[in-house]
Amino acid sequence: MRLDKFFASQSLASRKEVKELVKKGLVKINGIPARSSDMTITPEEDVILLNGKTISYKEHIYIMMNKPQGVVSATEDNLHATVLDLVPPELFRKGLFPAGRLDKDTVGFVLVTDDGDFAHRMLSPKKHVSKTYEAIISDAVSPEDISAFQEGLQLKDGTLCLRAELKVLEPGKQPLVQIVIHEGKYHQIKRMFEARGKKVLFLKRTKIGNLSLDENLAPGECKEILHKELDQILE
């Protein structure tokens, strides 16, 4: 990989900026000052220093975001802010996209990455990666509702859903519930409750696979996910 392409891929500097850094002797490869910005390096093997600091190569980046209401899960939108607009400069790189979508008014865990292969594995219907949500519902949840989710609910249009788990966390006239689904149909949870004569008043995704949303992330904030945490998503 060319040195300037390496820096650009890690969102560290533009190609023009790399030229200046090399001229100033601030870039070293294996302890030797870089010859030119277009020299070839092996990121996985070479030790690359910028101003005395080691730069670790990351082929891909994985970002946990706590999506707020009003933001769309898309790479671009002419009317609304997108999840990419919320990614801070130090984490941003070309090719980022949301791996899976949340409705504009649904909040919580969105995975943003530039790794198409991982996103495909995570979203593949064959994998049945679970997604866990918390919701506030318009009416009390009955044992019959819980059984219907468990058996595999039929939506109003005849669509059959896979078995899902419905649990009441805080009972009441507008209860707080937890839902675990193993697929990702369009507006699925809202449609599931509509099939039971109820409305979803608030919806938040709290977990993908076995990886939970970091409780310290405020709405709109995000953080990089470690590789060991990624394994929890596909478990």
C-alpha atoms as a PDB file:
ATOM      1  CA  MET A   1       0.000   0.000   0.000  1.00  0.00           C
ATOM      2  CA  ARG A   2       1.232   3.506  -0.781  1.00  0.00           C
ATOM      3  CA  LEU A   3       2.171   5.527   2.279  1.00  0.00           C
ATOM      4  CA  ASP A   4      -0.203   8.389   1.456  1.00  0.00           C
ATOM      5  CA  LYS A   5      -3.043   5.922   0.852  1.00  0.00           C
ATOM      6  CA  PHE A   6      -2.328   4.324   4.221  1.00  0.00           C
ATOM      7  CA  PHE A   7      -2.657   7.663   6.016  1.00  0.00           C
ATOM      8  CA  ALA A   8      -5.826   8.492   4.095  1.00  0.00           C
ATOM      9  CA  SER A   9      -7.358   5.069   4.873  1.00  0.00           C
ATOM     10  CA  GLN A  10      -6.822   5.668   8.597  1.00  0.00           C
ATOM     11  CA  SER A  11      -8.271   9.198   8.367  1.00  0.00           C
ATOM     12  CA  LEU A  12      -4.968  10.635   9.577  1.00  0.00           C
ATOM     13  CA  ALA A  13      -4.031  12.995   6.764  1.00  0.00           C
ATOM     14  CA  SER A  14      -4.800  13.829   3.152  1.00  0.00           C
ATOM     15  CA  ARG A  15      -2.309  12.908   0.439  1.00  0.00           C
ATOM     16  CA  LYS A  16      -1.199  16.532   0.241  1.00  0.00           C
ATOM     17  CA  GLU A  17      -0.679  16.665   4.000  1.00  0.00           C
ATOM     18  CA  VAL A  18       1.338  13.427   3.949  1.00  0.00           C
ATOM     19  CA  LYS A  19       3.760  15.021   1.467  1.00  0.00           C
ATOM     20  CA  GLU A  20       4.387  17.841   3.901  1.00  0.00           C
ATOM     21  CA  LEU A  21       4.810  15.474   6.844  1.00  0.00           C
ATOM     22  CA  VAL A  22       7.361  13.448   4.886  1.00  0.00           C
ATOM     23  CA  LYS A  23       9.257  16.594   3.837  1.00  0.00           C
ATOM     24  CA  LYS A  24       9.502  17.611   7.492  1.00  0.00           C
ATOM     25  CA  GLY A  25      10.845  14.170   8.436  1.00  0.00           C
ATOM     26  CA  LEU A  26       7.917  13.455  10.750  1.00  0.00           C
ATOM     27  CA  VAL A  27       7.121  10.065   9.201  1.00  0.00           C
ATOM     28  CA  LYS A  28       9.364   7.063   9.834  1.00  0.00           C
ATOM     29  CA  ILE A  29       9.079   3.499   8.568  1.00  0.00           C
ATOM     30  CA  ASN A  30      10.854   0.933  10.752  1.00  0.00           C
ATOM     31  CA  GLY A  31      12.906   3.721  12.302  1.00  0.00           C
ATOM     32  CA  ILE A  32      13.998   5.231   8.954  1.00  0.00           C
ATOM     33  CA  PRO A  33      12.595   8.540   7.668  1.00  0.00           C
ATOM     34  CA  ALA A  34      10.127   7.968   4.833  1.00  0.00           C
ATOM     35  CA  ARG A  35      11.608   8.644   1.399  1.00  0.00           C
ATOM     36  CA  SER A  36       8.432   9.888  -0.265  1.00  0.00           C
ATOM     37  CA  SER A  37       4.693   9.976   0.251  1.00  0.00           C
ATOM     38  CA  ASP A  38       4.105   7.438  -2.537  1.00  0.00           C
ATOM     39  CA  MET A  39       6.554   4.819  -1.264  1.00  0.00           C
ATOM     40  CA  THR A  40       5.172   1.299  -0.761  1.00  0.00           C
ATOM     41  CA  ILE A  41       4.714  -0.064   2.750  1.00  0.00           C
ATOM     42  CA  THR A  42       3.264  -3.216   4.302  1.00  0.00           C
ATOM     43  CA  PRO A  43       0.906  -1.880   7.007  1.00  0.00           C
ATOM     44  CA  GLU A  44       0.523  -5.245   8.756  1.00  0.00           C
ATOM     45  CA  GLU A  45       4.297  -5.676   9.137  1.00  0.00           C
ATOM     46  CA  ASP A  46       6.025  -2.281   9.062  1.00  0.00           C
ATOM     47  CA  VAL A  47       6.299  -0.031  12.118  1.00  0.00           C
ATOM     48  CA  ILE A  48       4.970   3.363  11.061  1.00  0.00           C
ATOM     49  CA  LEU A  49       5.708   6.390  13.219  1.00  0.00           C
ATOM     50  CA  LEU A  50       4.141   9.823  12.959  1.00  0.00           C
ATOM     51  CA  ASN A  51       5.897  12.456  15.002  1.00  0.00           C
ATOM     52  CA  GLY A  52       7.324   9.702  17.202  1.00  0.00           C
ATOM     53  CA  LYS A  53       4.017   7.908  17.779  1.00  0.00           C
ATOM     54  CA  THR A  54       3.273   4.444  16.430  1.00  0.00           C
ATOM     55  CA  ILE A  55       0.332   4.268  14.033  1.00  0.00           C
ATOM     56  CA  SER A  56      -1.493   0.948  14.188  1.00  0.00           C
ATOM     57  CA  TYR A  57      -3.151  -0.184  10.985  1.00  0.00           C
ATOM     58  CA  LYS A  58      -6.864  -0.936  11.079  1.00  0.00           C
ATOM     59  CA  GLU A  59      -8.232  -2.471   7.912  1.00  0.00           C
ATOM     60  CA  HIS A  60     -11.783  -1.760   9.076  1.00  0.00           C
ATOM     61  CA  ILE A  61     -13.478   0.210  11.793  1.00  0.00           C
ATOM     62  CA  TYR A  62     -16.542  -0.703  13.851  1.00  0.00           C
ATOM     63  CA  ILE A  63     -18.500   1.960  15.695  1.00  0.00           C
ATOM     64  CA  MET A  64     -21.224   1.632  18.327  1.00  0.00           C
ATOM     65  CA  MET A  65     -23.643   4.551  18.129  1.00  0.00           C
ATOM     66  CA  ASN A  66     -26.520   5.526  20.388  1.00  0.00           C
ATOM     67  CA  LYS A  67     -28.812   6.880  17.692  1.00  0.00           C
ATOM     68  CA  PRO A  68     -31.145   9.667  18.804  1.00  0.00           C
ATOM     69  CA  GLN A  69     -34.643  10.343  17.474  1.00  0.00           C
ATOM     70  CA  GLY A  70     -34.940  12.230  14.200  1.00  0.00           C
ATOM     71  CA  VAL A  71     -31.741  10.812  12.699  1.00  0.00           C
ATOM     72  CA  VAL A  72     -31.970   8.392   9.787  1.00  0.00           C
ATOM     73  CA  SER A  73     -29.925   5.214   9.362  1.00  0.00           C
ATOM     74  CA  ALA A  74     -28.512   6.060   5.946  1.00  0.00           C
ATOM     75  CA  THR A  75     -25.315   7.315   4.345  1.00  0.00           C
ATOM     76  CA  GLU A  76     -27.021  10.444   3.007  1.00  0.00           C
ATOM     77  CA  ASP A  77     -30.402  12.134   3.155  1.00  0.00           C
ATOM     78  CA  ASN A  78     -31.596  15.442   1.745  1.00  0.00           C
ATOM     79  CA  LEU A  79     -34.065  16.139   4.554  1.00  0.00           C
ATOM     80  CA  HIS A  80     -32.657  14.698   7.778  1.00  0.00           C
ATOM     81  CA  ALA A  81     -29.366  14.239   9.586  1.00  0.00           C
ATOM     82  CA  THR A  82     -27.879  10.770   9.113  1.00  0.00           C
ATOM     83  CA  VAL A  83     -25.936   8.546  11.485  1.00  0.00           C
ATOM     84  CA  LEU A  84     -22.776   9.380   9.508  1.00  0.00           C
ATOM     85  CA  ASP A  85     -23.237  13.053  10.389  1.00  0.00           C
ATOM     86  CA  LEU A  86     -22.799  12.059  14.048  1.00  0.00           C
ATOM     87  CA  VAL A  87     -19.498  10.185  13.613  1.00  0.00           C
ATOM     88  CA  PRO A  88     -16.660  12.330  15.056  1.00  0.00           C
ATOM     89  CA  PRO A  89     -13.691  13.180  12.796  1.00  0.00           C
ATOM     90  CA  GLU A  90     -11.305  10.877  14.677  1.00  0.00           C
ATOM     91  CA  LEU A  91     -13.465   7.853  13.821  1.00  0.00           C
ATOM     92  CA  PHE A  92     -14.687   8.887  10.389  1.00  0.00           C
ATOM     93  CA  ARG A  93     -13.341   7.282   7.231  1.00  0.00           C
ATOM     94  CA  LYS A  94     -14.496   6.753   3.673  1.00  0.00           C
ATOM     95  CA  GLY A  95     -16.914   3.919   3.071  1.00  0.00           C
ATOM     96  CA  LEU A  96     -18.761   4.034   6.399  1.00  0.00           C
ATOM     97  CA  PHE A  97     -22.374   2.880   6.433  1.00  0.00           C
ATOM     98  CA  PRO A  98     -24.933   1.708   9.021  1.00  0.00           C
ATOM     99  CA  ALA A  99     -25.089  -2.091   9.247  1.00  0.00           C
ATOM    100  CA  GLY A 100     -28.833  -2.440   9.529  1.00  0.00           C
ATOM    101  CA  ARG A 101     -31.388   0.272  10.040  1.00  0.00           C
ATOM    102  CA  LEU A 102     -33.437   1.810  12.804  1.00  0.00           C
ATOM    103  CA  ASP A 103     -36.531   3.882  12.021  1.00  0.00           C
ATOM    104  CA  LYS A 104     -36.091   7.650  12.231  1.00  0.00           C
ATOM    105  CA  ASP A 105     -37.913   7.791  15.573  1.00  0.00           C
ATOM    106  CA  THR A 106     -36.343   4.624  17.025  1.00  0.00           C
ATOM    107  CA  VAL A 107     -33.291   5.167  19.222  1.00  0.00           C
ATOM    108  CA  GLY A 108     -30.388   3.078  20.433  1.00  0.00           C
ATOM    109  CA  PHE A 109     -27.666   0.778  19.145  1.00  0.00           C
ATOM    110  CA  VAL A 110     -26.623   1.206  15.520  1.00  0.00           C
ATOM    111  CA  LEU A 111     -23.437  -0.407  14.231  1.00  0.00           C
ATOM    112  CA  VAL A 112     -21.551   1.809  11.773  1.00  0.00           C
ATOM    113  CA  THR A 113     -18.691   0.225   9.832  1.00  0.00           C
ATOM    114  CA  ASP A 114     -16.822   0.075   6.533  1.00  0.00           C
ATOM    115  CA  ASP A 115     -16.651  -3.732   6.606  1.00  0.00           C
ATOM    116  CA  GLY A 116     -19.203  -5.048   4.129  1.00  0.00           C
ATOM    117  CA  ASP A 117     -18.370  -8.706   4.785  1.00  0.00           C
ATOM    118  CA  PHE A 118     -19.014  -8.388   8.518  1.00  0.00           C
ATOM    119  CA  ALA A 119     -22.250  -6.483   7.922  1.00  0.00           C
ATOM    120  CA  HIS A 120     -23.408  -9.207   5.541  1.00  0.00           C
ATOM    121  CA  ARG A 121     -22.726 -11.915   8.123  1.00  0.00           C
ATOM    122  CA  MET A 122     -24.481  -9.932  10.829  1.00  0.00           C
ATOM    123  CA  LEU A 123     -27.551  -9.220   8.715  1.00  0.00           C
ATOM    124  CA  SER A 124     -27.787 -12.577   6.930  1.00  0.00           C
ATOM    125  CA  PRO A 125     -31.179 -14.243   7.506  1.00  0.00           C
ATOM    126  CA  LYS A 126     -29.307 -17.532   7.927  1.00  0.00           C
ATOM    127  CA  LYS A 127     -27.466 -16.191  10.991  1.00  0.00           C
ATOM    128  CA  HIS A 128     -30.574 -15.066  12.885  1.00  0.00           C
ATOM    129  CA  VAL A 129     -28.500 -12.616  14.937  1.00  0.00           C
ATOM    130  CA  SER A 130     -30.756 -11.457  17.750  1.00  0.00           C
ATOM    131  CA  LYS A 131     -31.708  -7.836  18.359  1.00  0.00           C
ATOM    132  CA  THR A 132     -32.993  -6.766  21.753  1.00  0.00           C
ATOM    133  CA  TYR A 133     -35.275  -3.782  22.238  1.00  0.00           C
ATOM    134  CA  GLU A 134     -37.052  -1.962  25.025  1.00  0.00           C
ATOM    135  CA  ALA A 135     -40.402  -0.399  24.254  1.00  0.00           C
ATOM    136  CA  ILE A 136     -43.237   1.480  25.884  1.00  0.00           C
ATOM    137  CA  ILE A 137     -46.585   0.101  24.724  1.00  0.00           C
ATOM    138  CA  SER A 138     -49.972   1.825  24.554  1.00  0.00           C
ATOM    139  CA  ASP A 139     -51.821  -0.880  26.510  1.00  0.00           C
ATOM    140  CA  ALA A 140     -51.171  -3.568  29.105  1.00  0.00           C
ATOM    141  CA  VAL A 141     -49.469  -6.717  27.839  1.00  0.00           C
ATOM    142  CA  SER A 142     -51.361  -9.964  28.458  1.00  0.00           C
ATOM    143  CA  PRO A 143     -50.109 -13.549  28.778  1.00  0.00           C
ATOM    144  CA  GLU A 144     -51.789 -14.147  25.398  1.00  0.00           C
ATOM    145  CA  ASP A 145     -49.580 -11.436  23.838  1.00  0.00           C
ATOM    146  CA  ILE A 146     -46.479 -13.098  25.248  1.00  0.00           C
ATOM    147  CA  SER A 147     -47.590 -16.482  23.915  1.00  0.00           C
ATOM    148  CA  ALA A 148     -48.339 -15.031  20.474  1.00  0.00           C
ATOM    149  CA  PHE A 149     -44.812 -13.605  20.232  1.00  0.00           C
ATOM    150  CA  GLN A 150     -43.340 -16.895  21.436  1.00  0.00           C
ATOM    151  CA  GLU A 151     -45.270 -18.985  18.913  1.00  0.00           C
ATOM    152  CA  GLY A 152     -44.402 -16.810  15.906  1.00  0.00           C
ATOM    153  CA  LEU A 153     -46.755 -13.928  15.260  1.00  0.00           C
ATOM    154  CA  GLN A 154     -48.698 -13.389  12.045  1.00  0.00           C
ATOM    155  CA  LEU A 155     -48.807  -9.748  10.944  1.00  0.00           C
ATOM    156  CA  LYS A 156     -51.924  -8.066   9.565  1.00  0.00           C
ATOM    157  CA  ASP A 157     -50.720  -8.564   5.982  1.00  0.00           C
ATOM    158  CA  GLY A 158     -50.273 -12.286   6.568  1.00  0.00           C
ATOM    159  CA  THR A 159     -46.497 -12.186   7.050  1.00  0.00           C
ATOM    160  CA  LEU A 160     -45.262 -14.771   9.532  1.00  0.00           C
ATOM    161  CA  CYS A 161     -42.580 -13.771  12.043  1.00  0.00           C
ATOM    162  CA  LEU A 162     -40.072 -16.056  13.676  1.00  0.00           C
ATOM    163  CA  ARG A 163     -40.498 -16.855  17.344  1.00  0.00           C
ATOM    164  CA  ALA A 164     -39.708 -13.835  19.508  1.00  0.00           C
ATOM    165  CA  GLU A 165     -39.395 -13.174  23.226  1.00  0.00           C
ATOM    166  CA  LEU A 166     -41.651 -10.628  24.906  1.00  0.00           C
ATOM    167  CA  LYS A 167     -41.096  -9.789  28.570  1.00  0.00           C
ATOM    168  CA  VAL A 168     -42.758  -7.159  30.768  1.00  0.00           C
ATOM    169  CA  LEU A 169     -40.120  -5.105  32.607  1.00  0.00           C
ATOM    170  CA  GLU A 170     -42.461  -2.571  34.238  1.00  0.00           C
ATOM    171  CA  PRO A 171     -46.189  -3.438  34.199  1.00  0.00           C
ATOM    172  CA  GLY A 172     -48.908  -0.826  33.944  1.00  0.00           C
ATOM    173  CA  LYS A 173     -51.344   0.828  31.559  1.00  0.00           C
ATOM    174  CA  GLN A 174     -48.384   1.753  29.336  1.00  0.00           C
ATOM    175  CA  PRO A 175     -45.869  -0.955  30.236  1.00  0.00           C
ATOM    176  CA  LEU A 176     -42.155  -1.036  29.566  1.00  0.00           C
ATOM    177  CA  VAL A 177     -41.321  -4.280  27.782  1.00  0.00           C
ATOM    178  CA  GLN A 178     -38.334  -6.086  26.338  1.00  0.00           C
ATOM    179  CA  ILE A 179     -38.503  -7.746  22.935  1.00  0.00           C
ATOM    180  CA  VAL A 180     -35.922 -10.058  21.383  1.00  0.00           C
ATOM    181  CA  ILE A 181     -36.281 -10.784  17.658  1.00  0.00           C
ATOM    182  CA  HIS A 182     -34.129 -12.905  15.355  1.00  0.00           C
ATOM    183  CA  GLU A 183     -34.861 -11.237  12.027  1.00  0.00           C
ATOM    184  CA  GLY A 184     -35.305  -7.714  10.704  1.00  0.00           C
ATOM    185  CA  LYS A 185     -38.545  -7.192   8.825  1.00  0.00           C
ATOM    186  CA  TYR A 186     -39.661  -3.666   7.925  1.00  0.00           C
ATOM    187  CA  HIS A 187     -41.031  -1.877  11.034  1.00  0.00           C
ATOM    188  CA  GLN A 188     -41.265  -5.344  12.534  1.00  0.00           C
ATOM    189  CA  ILE A 189     -41.816  -4.611  16.211  1.00  0.00           C
ATOM    190  CA  LYS A 190     -44.377  -1.887  15.537  1.00  0.00           C
ATOM    191  CA  ARG A 191     -46.245  -4.234  13.191  1.00  0.00           C
ATOM    192  CA  MET A 192     -46.082  -7.090  15.698  1.00  0.00           C
ATOM    193  CA  PHE A 193     -47.793  -5.018  18.372  1.00  0.00           C
ATOM    194  CA  GLU A 194     -50.275  -3.646  15.831  1.00  0.00           C
ATOM    195  CA  ALA A 195     -51.250  -7.260  15.137  1.00  0.00           C
ATOM    196  CA  ARG A 196     -52.122  -7.496  18.850  1.00  0.00           C
ATOM    197  CA  GLY A 197     -54.117  -4.234  18.803  1.00  0.00           C
ATOM    198  CA  LYS A 198     -51.434  -2.122  20.492  1.00  0.00           C
ATOM    199  CA  LYS A 199     -49.134   0.746  19.529  1.00  0.00           C
ATOM    200  CA  VAL A 200     -45.446   1.266  20.221  1.00  0.00           C
ATOM    201  CA  LEU A 201     -44.990   4.664  21.893  1.00  0.00           C
ATOM    202  CA  PHE A 202     -41.211   4.460  22.310  1.00  0.00           C
ATOM    203  CA  LEU A 203     -38.649   2.020  20.955  1.00  0.00           C
ATOM    204  CA  LYS A 204     -34.962   1.572  21.741  1.00  0.00           C
ATOM    205  CA  ARG A 205     -32.510  -1.076  20.546  1.00  0.00           C
ATOM    206  CA  THR A 206     -30.356  -2.090  23.487  1.00  0.00           C
ATOM    207  CA  LYS A 207     -28.396  -5.049  22.152  1.00  0.00           C
ATOM    208  CA  ILE A 208     -27.185  -6.706  18.940  1.00  0.00           C
ATOM    209  CA  GLY A 209     -26.357 -10.364  19.454  1.00  0.00           C
ATOM    210  CA  ASN A 210     -24.794 -10.467  22.917  1.00  0.00           C
ATOM    211  CA  LEU A 211     -23.241  -6.985  22.696  1.00  0.00           C
ATOM    212  CA  SER A 212     -25.127  -4.381  24.722  1.00  0.00           C
ATOM    213  CA  LEU A 213     -25.281  -0.667  24.051  1.00  0.00           C
ATOM    214  CA  ASP A 214     -22.841   1.145  26.339  1.00  0.00           C
ATOM    215  CA  GLU A 215     -24.954   2.874  28.976  1.00  0.00           C
ATOM    216  CA  ASN A 216     -22.411   5.709  29.151  1.00  0.00           C
ATOM    217  CA  LEU A 217     -23.103   6.767  25.560  1.00  0.00           C
ATOM    218  CA  ALA A 218     -25.460   9.731  25.481  1.00  0.00           C
ATOM    219  CA  PRO A 219     -27.852  10.028  22.520  1.00  0.00           C
ATOM    220  CA  GLY A 220     -25.787  10.938  19.459  1.00  0.00           C
ATOM    221  CA  GLU A 221     -22.513   9.693  20.924  1.00  0.00           C
ATOM    222  CA  CYS A 222     -20.465   6.780  19.655  1.00  0.00           C
ATOM    223  CA  LYS A 223     -17.319   4.803  20.340  1.00  0.00           C
ATOM    224  CA  GLU A 224     -15.092   2.327  18.543  1.00  0.00           C
ATOM    225  CA  ILE A 225     -15.891  -1.350  19.104  1.00  0.00           C
ATOM    226  CA  LEU A 226     -12.998  -3.667  19.931  1.00  0.00           C
ATOM    227  CA  HIS A 227     -12.510  -6.875  17.941  1.00  0.00           C
ATOM    228  CA  LYS A 228     -13.209  -9.036  20.992  1.00  0.00           C
ATOM    229  CA  GLU A 229     -16.557  -7.262  21.325  1.00  0.00           C
ATOM    230  CA  LEU A 230     -17.416  -7.997  17.696  1.00  0.00           C
ATOM    231  CA  ASP A 231     -17.403 -11.704  18.460  1.00  0.00           C
ATOM    232  CA  GLN A 232     -20.293 -11.089  20.877  1.00  0.00           C
ATOM    233  CA  ILE A 233     -22.454  -9.843  18.015  1.00  0.00           C
ATOM    234  CA  LEU A 234     -22.200 -13.061  16.028  1.00  0.00           C
ATOM    235  CA  GLU A 235     -22.429 -15.450  19.008  1.00  0.00           C
END
